[in-house]
Amino acid sequence: MTAALVSFFHLLALAVGLPAIHLRAKFLRQPLDAAGLQRVFKADLFWAIAAVLWLATGPWRAFSSLEKGTAFYMGTWLFHAKLGLFVLILLLELVPMVALMRWRAAVRAGRAPNTSNARTLAVLSHLELTCVVLAALAASFVAHGFGQRAG
């Protein structure tokens, strides 16, 4: 039952994360008045929740005895590609994460945040979304035995 629940929460992260990152990108391209900023912050919060779920459940599934086992995953080049995509997502997320933390701090202090980089943050969000979709594709292929190293 643990394996099923961990798998469920891993998939729930995908179900929450994809629309959240899409909406964050969309809202970053709209007027960033007080209401617009709140929409961005809310989407970003759901994106963060999804990220925490992924970071908690992904390694648990891959490196415990819940699923196929560490040897299976480490012997699959597509799994390594998936890990690379998640590292790329984390690196891409650094810029939006820092920027949105600054925006939140400005709003809490009663100041208007400098949102001049909103378009850049939207582009980065779309790149992250693309990486998540590619990681899901890689995961599907790994789950069906593709990408095993010969030998």
N, C-alpha and C. Protein backbone atom coordinates (compact mmCIF):
# COMPACT_ATOMS: atom_id res chain seq x y z
N MET A 1 0.82 -1.20 0.00
CA MET A 1 0.00 0.00 0.00
C MET A 1 0.87 1.26 0.00
N THR A 2 2.01 1.22 0.67
CA THR A 2 2.90 2.38 0.70
C THR A 2 3.32 2.76 -0.71
N ALA A 3 3.69 1.77 -1.50
CA ALA A 3 4.12 2.04 -2.87
C ALA A 3 3.03 2.74 -3.66
N ALA A 4 1.80 2.29 -3.50
CA ALA A 4 0.68 2.90 -4.23
C ALA A 4 0.46 4.34 -3.78
N LEU A 5 0.57 4.60 -2.50
CA LEU A 5 0.37 5.97 -1.99
C LEU A 5 1.50 6.90 -2.43
N VAL A 6 2.72 6.42 -2.37
CA VAL A 6 3.86 7.25 -2.80
C VAL A 6 3.73 7.54 -4.29
N SER A 7 3.35 6.54 -5.07
CA SER A 7 3.12 6.73 -6.50
C SER A 7 2.01 7.74 -6.75
N PHE A 8 0.93 7.64 -5.98
CA PHE A 8 -0.18 8.58 -6.10
C PHE A 8 0.29 10.01 -5.85
N PHE A 9 1.04 10.23 -4.77
CA PHE A 9 1.50 11.58 -4.46
C PHE A 9 2.49 12.09 -5.50
N HIS A 10 3.27 11.19 -6.08
CA HIS A 10 4.18 11.58 -7.15
C HIS A 10 3.39 12.06 -8.38
N LEU A 11 2.34 11.32 -8.72
CA LEU A 11 1.49 11.72 -9.84
C LEU A 11 0.66 12.95 -9.51
N LEU A 12 0.24 13.08 -8.26
CA LEU A 12 -0.47 14.28 -7.83
C LEU A 12 0.40 15.52 -8.01
N ALA A 13 1.68 15.37 -7.75
CA ALA A 13 2.60 16.49 -7.96
C ALA A 13 2.58 16.93 -9.42
N LEU A 14 2.52 15.98 -10.33
CA LEU A 14 2.44 16.30 -11.76
C LEU A 14 1.12 17.01 -12.06
N ALA A 15 0.04 16.50 -11.49
CA ALA A 15 -1.29 17.09 -11.72
C ALA A 15 -1.38 18.50 -11.17
N VAL A 16 -0.69 18.79 -10.10
CA VAL A 16 -0.68 20.13 -9.51
C VAL A 16 0.36 21.01 -10.21
N GLY A 17 1.52 20.44 -10.46
CA GLY A 17 2.64 21.22 -10.98
C GLY A 17 2.47 21.74 -12.38
N LEU A 18 1.97 20.92 -13.29
CA LEU A 18 1.83 21.38 -14.68
C LEU A 18 0.91 22.59 -14.82
N PRO A 19 -0.30 22.54 -14.29
CA PRO A 19 -1.13 23.75 -14.41
C PRO A 19 -0.56 24.92 -13.62
N ALA A 20 0.09 24.65 -12.50
CA ALA A 20 0.64 25.75 -11.70
C ALA A 20 1.73 26.50 -12.45
N ILE A 21 2.65 25.77 -13.06
CA ILE A 21 3.75 26.45 -13.77
C ILE A 21 3.22 27.12 -15.04
N HIS A 22 2.23 26.50 -15.68
CA HIS A 22 1.61 27.13 -16.85
C HIS A 22 0.92 28.44 -16.44
N LEU A 23 0.16 28.39 -15.35
CA LEU A 23 -0.54 29.59 -14.90
C LEU A 23 0.43 30.67 -14.43
N ARG A 24 1.52 30.26 -13.78
CA ARG A 24 2.50 31.27 -13.38
C ARG A 24 3.04 32.00 -14.60
N ALA A 25 3.37 31.25 -15.64
CA ALA A 25 3.87 31.87 -16.87
C ALA A 25 2.81 32.78 -17.48
N LYS A 26 1.58 32.31 -17.52
CA LYS A 26 0.48 33.10 -18.09
C LYS A 26 0.28 34.39 -17.30
N PHE A 27 0.23 34.29 -15.97
CA PHE A 27 -0.02 35.46 -15.13
C PHE A 27 1.14 36.44 -15.18
N LEU A 28 2.36 35.95 -15.40
CA LEU A 28 3.51 36.85 -15.51
C LEU A 28 3.44 37.70 -16.77
N ARG A 29 2.66 37.30 -17.74
CA ARG A 29 2.51 38.06 -18.99
C ARG A 29 1.31 39.01 -18.94
N GLN A 30 0.57 38.99 -17.85
CA GLN A 30 -0.59 39.87 -17.69
C GLN A 30 -0.20 41.07 -16.83
N PRO A 31 -1.08 42.07 -16.75
CA PRO A 31 -0.77 43.23 -15.90
C PRO A 31 -0.48 42.79 -14.46
N LEU A 32 0.59 43.34 -13.90
CA LEU A 32 1.02 42.94 -12.57
C LEU A 32 0.65 44.00 -11.53
N ASP A 33 -0.65 44.29 -11.49
CA ASP A 33 -1.18 45.12 -10.42
C ASP A 33 -1.29 44.23 -9.17
N ALA A 34 -1.91 44.73 -8.11
CA ALA A 34 -2.00 43.95 -6.87
C ALA A 34 -2.67 42.60 -7.10
N ALA A 35 -3.77 42.58 -7.84
CA ALA A 35 -4.48 41.32 -8.10
C ALA A 35 -3.63 40.40 -8.98
N GLY A 36 -2.96 40.96 -9.96
CA GLY A 36 -2.10 40.17 -10.84
C GLY A 36 -0.95 39.53 -10.09
N LEU A 37 -0.36 40.30 -9.18
CA LEU A 37 0.73 39.75 -8.37
C LEU A 37 0.23 38.60 -7.50
N GLN A 38 -0.95 38.75 -6.93
CA GLN A 38 -1.50 37.69 -6.09
C GLN A 38 -1.74 36.42 -6.90
N ARG A 39 -2.16 36.57 -8.16
CA ARG A 39 -2.34 35.40 -9.02
C ARG A 39 -0.99 34.71 -9.26
N VAL A 40 0.03 35.51 -9.54
CA VAL A 40 1.37 34.94 -9.75
C VAL A 40 1.83 34.21 -8.49
N PHE A 41 1.67 34.85 -7.33
CA PHE A 41 2.11 34.26 -6.07
C PHE A 41 1.37 32.96 -5.76
N LYS A 42 0.08 32.93 -6.06
CA LYS A 42 -0.72 31.73 -5.79
C LYS A 42 -0.26 30.58 -6.70
N ALA A 43 -0.09 30.86 -7.98
CA ALA A 43 0.39 29.82 -8.91
C ALA A 43 1.77 29.33 -8.49
N ASP A 44 2.62 30.27 -8.08
CA ASP A 44 3.97 29.91 -7.64
C ASP A 44 3.93 29.03 -6.39
N LEU A 45 3.00 29.31 -5.49
CA LEU A 45 2.85 28.49 -4.29
C LEU A 45 2.50 27.05 -4.65
N PHE A 46 1.57 26.88 -5.59
CA PHE A 46 1.20 25.52 -6.00
C PHE A 46 2.36 24.83 -6.72
N TRP A 47 3.13 25.59 -7.49
CA TRP A 47 4.33 25.05 -8.14
C TRP A 47 5.32 24.58 -7.07
N ALA A 48 5.48 25.36 -6.01
CA ALA A 48 6.39 24.98 -4.92
C ALA A 48 5.90 23.72 -4.21
N ILE A 49 4.60 23.62 -3.98
CA ILE A 49 4.03 22.43 -3.34
C ILE A 49 4.31 21.20 -4.20
N ALA A 50 4.12 21.33 -5.51
CA ALA A 50 4.40 20.22 -6.42
C ALA A 50 5.87 19.84 -6.36
N ALA A 51 6.74 20.83 -6.33
CA ALA A 51 8.19 20.56 -6.28
C ALA A 51 8.56 19.80 -5.01
N VAL A 52 7.99 20.19 -3.89
CA VAL A 52 8.27 19.49 -2.63
C VAL A 52 7.78 18.04 -2.72
N LEU A 53 6.60 17.85 -3.29
CA LEU A 53 6.08 16.48 -3.46
C LEU A 53 7.01 15.65 -4.34
N TRP A 54 7.47 16.24 -5.45
CA TRP A 54 8.38 15.51 -6.34
C TRP A 54 9.68 15.17 -5.64
N LEU A 55 10.23 16.16 -4.95
CA LEU A 55 11.52 15.94 -4.28
C LEU A 55 11.40 14.93 -3.14
N ALA A 56 10.22 14.81 -2.56
CA ALA A 56 10.02 13.82 -1.49
C ALA A 56 9.74 12.43 -2.05
N THR A 57 8.90 12.35 -3.06
CA THR A 57 8.45 11.04 -3.54
C THR A 57 9.35 10.44 -4.61
N GLY A 58 9.96 11.27 -5.45
CA GLY A 58 10.79 10.75 -6.53
C GLY A 58 11.95 9.89 -6.04
N PRO A 59 12.82 10.43 -5.20
CA PRO A 59 13.92 9.60 -4.68
C PRO A 59 13.42 8.40 -3.88
N TRP A 60 12.33 8.58 -3.16
CA TRP A 60 11.77 7.48 -2.37
C TRP A 60 11.40 6.32 -3.30
N ARG A 61 10.76 6.66 -4.41
CA ARG A 61 10.35 5.63 -5.36
C ARG A 61 11.56 4.98 -6.03
N ALA A 62 12.54 5.80 -6.42
CA ALA A 62 13.65 5.29 -7.22
C ALA A 62 14.71 4.57 -6.39
N PHE A 63 14.93 5.02 -5.17
CA PHE A 63 16.07 4.52 -4.41
C PHE A 63 15.68 3.73 -3.17
N SER A 64 14.46 3.21 -3.18
CA SER A 64 14.03 2.31 -2.10
C SER A 64 13.53 1.03 -2.75
N SER A 65 13.00 0.17 -1.95
CA SER A 65 12.49 -1.10 -2.49
C SER A 65 11.02 -0.99 -2.90
N LEU A 66 10.48 0.23 -2.96
CA LEU A 66 9.07 0.40 -3.32
C LEU A 66 8.78 0.02 -4.77
N GLU A 67 9.70 0.36 -5.64
CA GLU A 67 9.46 0.16 -7.07
C GLU A 67 10.43 -0.91 -7.60
N LYS A 68 11.01 -0.65 -8.74
CA LYS A 68 11.87 -1.63 -9.40
C LYS A 68 13.25 -1.73 -8.75
N GLY A 69 13.62 -0.77 -7.94
CA GLY A 69 14.91 -0.81 -7.25
C GLY A 69 15.96 0.08 -7.89
N THR A 70 16.92 0.44 -7.09
CA THR A 70 17.97 1.36 -7.51
C THR A 70 18.74 0.85 -8.72
N ALA A 71 19.09 -0.43 -8.72
CA ALA A 71 19.89 -0.98 -9.82
C ALA A 71 19.16 -0.84 -11.15
N PHE A 72 17.86 -1.08 -11.15
CA PHE A 72 17.09 -0.95 -12.38
C PHE A 72 17.18 0.48 -12.91
N TYR A 73 16.89 1.44 -12.04
CA TYR A 73 16.87 2.83 -12.48
C TYR A 73 18.25 3.32 -12.87
N MET A 74 19.26 2.98 -12.09
CA MET A 74 20.61 3.46 -12.39
C MET A 74 21.16 2.82 -13.67
N GLY A 75 20.60 1.70 -14.08
CA GLY A 75 21.01 1.05 -15.32
C GLY A 75 20.22 1.50 -16.53
N THR A 76 19.45 2.54 -16.38
CA THR A 76 18.58 3.02 -17.46
C THR A 76 19.00 4.43 -17.86
N TRP A 77 19.48 4.57 -19.09
CA TRP A 77 19.97 5.89 -19.49
C TRP A 77 18.85 6.93 -19.51
N LEU A 78 17.63 6.50 -19.78
CA LEU A 78 16.51 7.44 -19.76
C LEU A 78 16.24 7.98 -18.36
N PHE A 79 16.50 7.17 -17.34
CA PHE A 79 16.37 7.65 -15.97
C PHE A 79 17.40 8.75 -15.70
N HIS A 80 18.60 8.56 -16.21
CA HIS A 80 19.63 9.59 -16.06
C HIS A 80 19.24 10.86 -16.81
N ALA A 81 18.62 10.69 -17.96
CA ALA A 81 18.12 11.86 -18.70
C ALA A 81 17.04 12.57 -17.90
N LYS A 82 16.16 11.80 -17.27
CA LYS A 82 15.11 12.39 -16.43
C LYS A 82 15.72 13.16 -15.27
N LEU A 83 16.72 12.58 -14.62
CA LEU A 83 17.40 13.28 -13.53
C LEU A 83 18.04 14.57 -14.04
N GLY A 84 18.63 14.50 -15.22
CA GLY A 84 19.23 15.70 -15.81
C GLY A 84 18.19 16.78 -16.05
N LEU A 85 17.01 16.38 -16.49
CA LEU A 85 15.93 17.35 -16.70
C LEU A 85 15.51 17.99 -15.38
N PHE A 86 15.46 17.21 -14.32
CA PHE A 86 15.08 17.79 -13.02
C PHE A 86 16.17 18.72 -12.49
N VAL A 87 17.42 18.39 -12.74
CA VAL A 87 18.49 19.32 -12.36
C VAL A 87 18.35 20.61 -13.16
N LEU A 88 18.04 20.49 -14.44
CA LEU A 88 17.83 21.68 -15.27
C LEU A 88 16.66 22.50 -14.75
N ILE A 89 15.57 21.85 -14.37
CA ILE A 89 14.42 22.56 -13.80
C ILE A 89 14.84 23.32 -12.55
N LEU A 90 15.59 22.66 -11.68
CA LEU A 90 16.04 23.33 -10.45
C LEU A 90 16.91 24.54 -10.77
N LEU A 91 17.79 24.41 -11.74
CA LEU A 91 18.65 25.54 -12.12
C LEU A 91 17.83 26.67 -12.74
N LEU A 92 16.90 26.31 -13.63
CA LEU A 92 16.04 27.33 -14.24
C LEU A 92 15.19 28.04 -13.19
N GLU A 93 14.77 27.30 -12.17
CA GLU A 93 13.88 27.85 -11.14
C GLU A 93 14.58 28.84 -10.22
N LEU A 94 15.89 28.81 -10.17
CA LEU A 94 16.61 29.72 -9.27
C LEU A 94 16.26 31.18 -9.53
N VAL A 95 16.22 31.58 -10.79
CA VAL A 95 15.93 32.98 -11.12
C VAL A 95 14.51 33.37 -10.71
N PRO A 96 13.46 32.62 -11.13
CA PRO A 96 12.11 32.99 -10.68
C PRO A 96 11.95 32.92 -9.16
N MET A 97 12.56 31.92 -8.53
CA MET A 97 12.41 31.78 -7.09
C MET A 97 12.94 33.02 -6.36
N VAL A 98 14.13 33.45 -6.72
CA VAL A 98 14.73 34.63 -6.07
C VAL A 98 13.92 35.88 -6.40
N ALA A 99 13.54 36.03 -7.66
CA ALA A 99 12.78 37.22 -8.07
C ALA A 99 11.44 37.29 -7.34
N LEU A 100 10.74 36.17 -7.28
CA LEU A 100 9.42 36.19 -6.63
C LEU A 100 9.53 36.34 -5.12
N MET A 101 10.61 35.87 -4.52
CA MET A 101 10.83 36.14 -3.10
C MET A 101 11.00 37.64 -2.88
N ARG A 102 11.74 38.29 -3.78
CA ARG A 102 11.92 39.75 -3.68
C ARG A 102 10.60 40.48 -3.90
N TRP A 103 9.82 40.02 -4.86
CA TRP A 103 8.53 40.65 -5.11
C TRP A 103 7.63 40.52 -3.88
N ARG A 104 7.60 39.33 -3.29
CA ARG A 104 6.76 39.13 -2.09
C ARG A 104 7.22 40.04 -0.95
N ALA A 105 8.52 40.16 -0.77
CA ALA A 105 9.06 41.01 0.30
C ALA A 105 8.67 42.47 0.06
N ALA A 106 8.74 42.91 -1.19
CA ALA A 106 8.36 44.29 -1.51
C ALA A 106 6.89 44.52 -1.22
N VAL A 107 6.04 43.59 -1.62
CA VAL A 107 4.60 43.73 -1.39
C VAL A 107 4.31 43.76 0.11
N ARG A 108 4.95 42.88 0.87
CA ARG A 108 4.75 42.87 2.33
C ARG A 108 5.19 44.19 2.97
N ALA A 109 6.22 44.81 2.39
CA ALA A 109 6.73 46.08 2.92
C ALA A 109 5.92 47.27 2.41
N GLY A 110 4.91 46.99 1.59
CA GLY A 110 4.07 48.07 1.08
C GLY A 110 4.65 48.79 -0.12
N ARG A 111 5.64 48.18 -0.76
CA ARG A 111 6.27 48.78 -1.94
C ARG A 111 5.86 48.01 -3.19
N ALA A 112 5.92 48.70 -4.30
CA ALA A 112 5.67 48.04 -5.59
C ALA A 112 6.95 47.31 -6.00
N PRO A 113 6.87 46.03 -6.32
CA PRO A 113 8.07 45.31 -6.74
C PRO A 113 8.50 45.73 -8.14
N ASN A 114 9.78 45.56 -8.41
CA ASN A 114 10.31 45.80 -9.75
C ASN A 114 10.01 44.56 -10.58
N THR A 115 9.02 44.67 -11.44
CA THR A 115 8.56 43.52 -12.23
C THR A 115 9.07 43.57 -13.66
N SER A 116 10.15 44.32 -13.88
CA SER A 116 10.66 44.47 -15.25
C SER A 116 11.14 43.15 -15.86
N ASN A 117 11.42 42.17 -15.02
CA ASN A 117 11.88 40.87 -15.53
C ASN A 117 10.75 39.85 -15.67
N ALA A 118 9.52 40.30 -15.62
CA ALA A 118 8.38 39.37 -15.65
C ALA A 118 8.36 38.51 -16.92
N ARG A 119 8.66 39.10 -18.06
CA ARG A 119 8.65 38.31 -19.31
C ARG A 119 9.72 37.22 -19.27
N THR A 120 10.88 37.56 -18.76
CA THR A 120 11.95 36.57 -18.63
C THR A 120 11.51 35.43 -17.71
N LEU A 121 10.86 35.78 -16.62
CA LEU A 121 10.37 34.76 -15.69
C LEU A 121 9.32 33.88 -16.36
N ALA A 122 8.49 34.47 -17.21
CA ALA A 122 7.49 33.70 -17.95
C ALA A 122 8.16 32.71 -18.90
N VAL A 123 9.18 33.17 -19.60
CA VAL A 123 9.91 32.28 -20.52
C VAL A 123 10.56 31.14 -19.75
N LEU A 124 11.19 31.46 -18.63
CA LEU A 124 11.81 30.41 -17.81
C LEU A 124 10.76 29.42 -17.32
N SER A 125 9.59 29.92 -16.97
CA SER A 125 8.50 29.04 -16.51
C SER A 125 8.08 28.09 -17.62
N HIS A 126 7.99 28.60 -18.85
CA HIS A 126 7.62 27.73 -19.98
C HIS A 126 8.71 26.69 -20.24
N LEU A 127 9.96 27.08 -20.10
CA LEU A 127 11.05 26.11 -20.26
C LEU A 127 10.96 25.02 -19.19
N GLU A 128 10.64 25.42 -17.96
CA GLU A 128 10.47 24.44 -16.89
C GLU A 128 9.32 23.49 -17.20
N LEU A 129 8.22 24.03 -17.68
CA LEU A 129 7.06 23.21 -18.04
C LEU A 129 7.46 22.19 -19.10
N THR A 130 8.20 22.62 -20.10
CA THR A 130 8.66 21.71 -21.15
C THR A 130 9.53 20.60 -20.57
N CYS A 131 10.41 20.96 -19.65
CA CYS A 131 11.27 19.96 -19.02
C CYS A 131 10.46 18.95 -18.20
N VAL A 132 9.41 19.42 -17.52
CA VAL A 132 8.56 18.50 -16.74
C VAL A 132 7.87 17.52 -17.68
N VAL A 133 7.35 18.01 -18.78
CA VAL A 133 6.67 17.13 -19.74
C VAL A 133 7.66 16.11 -20.30
N LEU A 134 8.86 16.55 -20.65
CA LEU A 134 9.87 15.62 -21.16
C LEU A 134 10.28 14.60 -20.09
N ALA A 135 10.36 15.03 -18.84
CA ALA A 135 10.68 14.11 -17.74
C ALA A 135 9.57 13.07 -17.57
N ALA A 136 8.33 13.50 -17.70
CA ALA A 136 7.20 12.56 -17.61
C ALA A 136 7.25 11.56 -18.76
N LEU A 137 7.60 12.03 -19.94
CA LEU A 137 7.75 11.14 -21.09
C LEU A 137 8.86 10.12 -20.83
N ALA A 138 10.00 10.59 -20.35
CA ALA A 138 11.11 9.69 -20.04
C ALA A 138 10.69 8.67 -18.98
N ALA A 139 9.96 9.13 -17.96
CA ALA A 139 9.51 8.23 -16.89
C ALA A 139 8.59 7.14 -17.44
N SER A 140 7.73 7.50 -18.36
CA SER A 140 6.82 6.53 -18.95
C SER A 140 7.60 5.45 -19.71
N PHE A 141 8.61 5.87 -20.46
CA PHE A 141 9.43 4.92 -21.20
C PHE A 141 10.24 4.03 -20.25
N VAL A 142 10.80 4.64 -19.19
CA VAL A 142 11.55 3.85 -18.21
C VAL A 142 10.65 2.80 -17.58
N ALA A 143 9.44 3.19 -17.21
CA ALA A 143 8.50 2.26 -16.56
C ALA A 143 8.16 1.08 -17.45
N HIS A 144 8.31 1.26 -18.76
CA HIS A 144 8.00 0.18 -19.69
C HIS A 144 9.25 -0.50 -20.24
N GLY A 145 10.38 -0.29 -19.55
CA GLY A 145 11.58 -1.05 -19.87
C GLY A 145 12.48 -0.49 -20.95
N PHE A 146 12.17 0.68 -21.46
CA PHE A 146 13.03 1.28 -22.48
C PHE A 146 14.23 1.95 -21.81
N GLY A 147 15.32 2.02 -22.54
CA GLY A 147 16.49 2.74 -22.06
C GLY A 147 17.46 1.92 -21.24
N GLN A 148 17.23 0.61 -21.16
CA GLN A 148 18.16 -0.24 -20.41
C GLN A 148 19.47 -0.35 -21.18
N ARG A 149 20.55 -0.26 -20.44
CA ARG A 149 21.87 -0.41 -21.05
C ARG A 149 22.08 -1.88 -21.43
N ALA A 150 22.70 -2.09 -22.56
CA ALA A 150 22.99 -3.46 -23.00
C ALA A 150 24.07 -4.06 -22.10
N GLY A 151 23.95 -5.34 -21.86
CA GLY A 151 25.01 -6.03 -21.12
C GLY A 151 24.57 -6.34 -19.79
